[in-house]
C-alpha atoms as a PDB file:
ATOM      1  CA  MET A   1       0.000   0.000   0.000  1.00  0.00           C
ATOM      2  CA  THR A   2       2.852   2.368   0.820  1.00  0.00           C
ATOM      3  CA  ALA A   3       4.441   1.704  -2.564  1.00  0.00           C
ATOM      4  CA  LEU A   4       1.194   2.630  -4.311  1.00  0.00           C
ATOM      5  CA  ILE A   5       0.888   5.888  -2.394  1.00  0.00           C
ATOM      6  CA  THR A   6       4.508   6.710  -3.166  1.00  0.00           C
ATOM      7  CA  ALA A   7       4.016   5.972  -6.873  1.00  0.00           C
ATOM      8  CA  VAL A   8       0.897   8.153  -7.033  1.00  0.00           C
ATOM      9  CA  ALA A   9       2.715  10.971  -5.217  1.00  0.00           C
ATOM     10  CA  VAL A  10       5.659  10.801  -7.633  1.00  0.00           C
ATOM     11  CA  VAL A  11       3.334  10.892 -10.665  1.00  0.00           C
ATOM     12  CA  LEU A  12       1.409  13.860  -9.241  1.00  0.00           C
ATOM     13  CA  ILE A  13       4.593  15.792  -8.456  1.00  0.00           C
ATOM     14  CA  PHE A  14       5.889  15.057 -11.960  1.00  0.00           C
ATOM     15  CA  GLU A  15       2.592  16.218 -13.465  1.00  0.00           C
ATOM     16  CA  VAL A  16       2.627  19.464 -11.496  1.00  0.00           C
ATOM     17  CA  TYR A  17       6.237  20.066 -12.571  1.00  0.00           C
ATOM     18  CA  CYS A  18       5.328  19.544 -16.236  1.00  0.00           C
ATOM     19  CA  LEU A  19       2.250  21.787 -16.061  1.00  0.00           C
ATOM     20  CA  VAL A  20       4.196  24.578 -14.350  1.00  0.00           C
ATOM     21  CA  ASP A  21       6.971  24.244 -16.930  1.00  0.00           C
ATOM     22  CA  ILE A  22       4.441  24.406 -19.774  1.00  0.00           C
ATOM     23  CA  ALA A  23       2.841  27.500 -18.263  1.00  0.00           C
ATOM     24  CA  ARG A  24       6.158  29.288 -17.737  1.00  0.00           C
ATOM     25  CA  ALA A  25       7.730  28.351 -21.093  1.00  0.00           C
ATOM     26  CA  LYS A  26       8.257  31.229 -23.494  1.00  0.00           C
ATOM     27  CA  ASP A  27       7.760  28.901 -26.423  1.00  0.00           C
ATOM     28  CA  VAL A  28       7.337  25.173 -26.977  1.00  0.00           C
ATOM     29  CA  ARG A  29       7.942  22.941 -29.961  1.00  0.00           C
ATOM     30  CA  ARG A  30       5.523  21.115 -32.247  1.00  0.00           C
ATOM     31  CA  LEU A  31       2.225  22.011 -30.469  1.00  0.00           C
ATOM     32  CA  ASP A  32       0.881  24.975 -28.541  1.00  0.00           C
ATOM     33  CA  ARG A  33       0.964  25.156 -24.749  1.00  0.00           C
ATOM     34  CA  GLU A  34      -2.718  24.382 -24.272  1.00  0.00           C
ATOM     35  CA  THR A  35      -2.447  21.196 -26.307  1.00  0.00           C
ATOM     36  CA  TRP A  36       0.651  20.051 -24.394  1.00  0.00           C
ATOM     37  CA  ALA A  37      -1.144  20.711 -21.097  1.00  0.00           C
ATOM     38  CA  LEU A  38      -4.176  18.722 -22.235  1.00  0.00           C
ATOM     39  CA  ILE A  39      -2.050  15.810 -23.461  1.00  0.00           C
ATOM     40  CA  SER A  40      -0.104  15.879 -20.220  1.00  0.00           C
ATOM     41  CA  LEU A  41      -3.279  15.760 -18.123  1.00  0.00           C
ATOM     42  CA  VAL A  42      -5.068  13.098 -20.147  1.00  0.00           C
ATOM     43  CA  THR A  43      -2.207  10.627 -20.497  1.00  0.00           C
ATOM     44  CA  LEU A  44      -0.518  10.533 -17.092  1.00  0.00           C
ATOM     45  CA  PRO A  45       2.553  10.246 -16.970  1.00  0.00           C
ATOM     46  CA  LEU A  46       3.174   9.621 -20.684  1.00  0.00           C
ATOM     47  CA  GLY A  47       2.047  13.139 -21.645  1.00  0.00           C
ATOM     48  CA  GLY A  48       4.648  14.741 -19.395  1.00  0.00           C
ATOM     49  CA  ILE A  49       7.348  12.477 -20.766  1.00  0.00           C
ATOM     50  CA  LEU A  50       6.316  13.350 -24.323  1.00  0.00           C
ATOM     51  CA  TYR A  51       6.331  17.066 -23.503  1.00  0.00           C
ATOM     52  CA  LEU A  52       9.805  16.912 -21.967  1.00  0.00           C
ATOM     53  CA  SER A  53      11.208  14.892 -24.854  1.00  0.00           C
ATOM     54  CA  LEU A  54       9.389  16.478 -27.825  1.00  0.00           C
ATOM     55  CA  GLY A  55       7.909  19.807 -26.776  1.00  0.00           C
ATOM     56  CA  LYS A  56      10.270  21.497 -24.343  1.00  0.00           C
ATOM     57  CA  ARG A  57      12.948  23.788 -25.697  1.00  0.00           C
ATOM     58  CA  TRP A  58      16.077  22.848 -23.760  1.00  0.00           C
ATOM     59  CA  LYS A  59      18.897  25.319 -23.418  1.00  0.00           C
ATOM     60  CA  SER A  60      22.156  23.931 -24.724  1.00  0.00           C
ATOM     61  CA  GLY A  61      25.764  24.959 -24.831  1.00  0.00           C
ATOM     62  CA  ALA A  62      28.120  26.595 -22.364  1.00  0.00           C
ATOM     63  CA  ALA A  63      26.365  29.970 -22.481  1.00  0.00           C
ATOM     64  CA  ALA A  64      23.092  28.409 -21.341  1.00  0.00           C
ATOM     65  CA  SER A  65      24.673  27.033 -18.174  1.00  0.00           C
ATOM     66  CA  LEU A  66      25.680  30.555 -17.175  1.00  0.00           C
ATOM     67  CA  VAL A  67      22.137  31.912 -17.445  1.00  0.00           C
END
């Protein structure tokens, strides 16, 4: 039972992180923010994983680590 509660808590924290990141993002790739949020909510936790791998614009390079 404890493992189930822990798993649900981890998924919920991950979902909140993804939704906050979508809301704060200046721009996202492939789809608009509302669509990413909807996909993320409907397909827990796959939607968040898809957003982080396909939709999020990651900063890269040495200059990005200084920002």
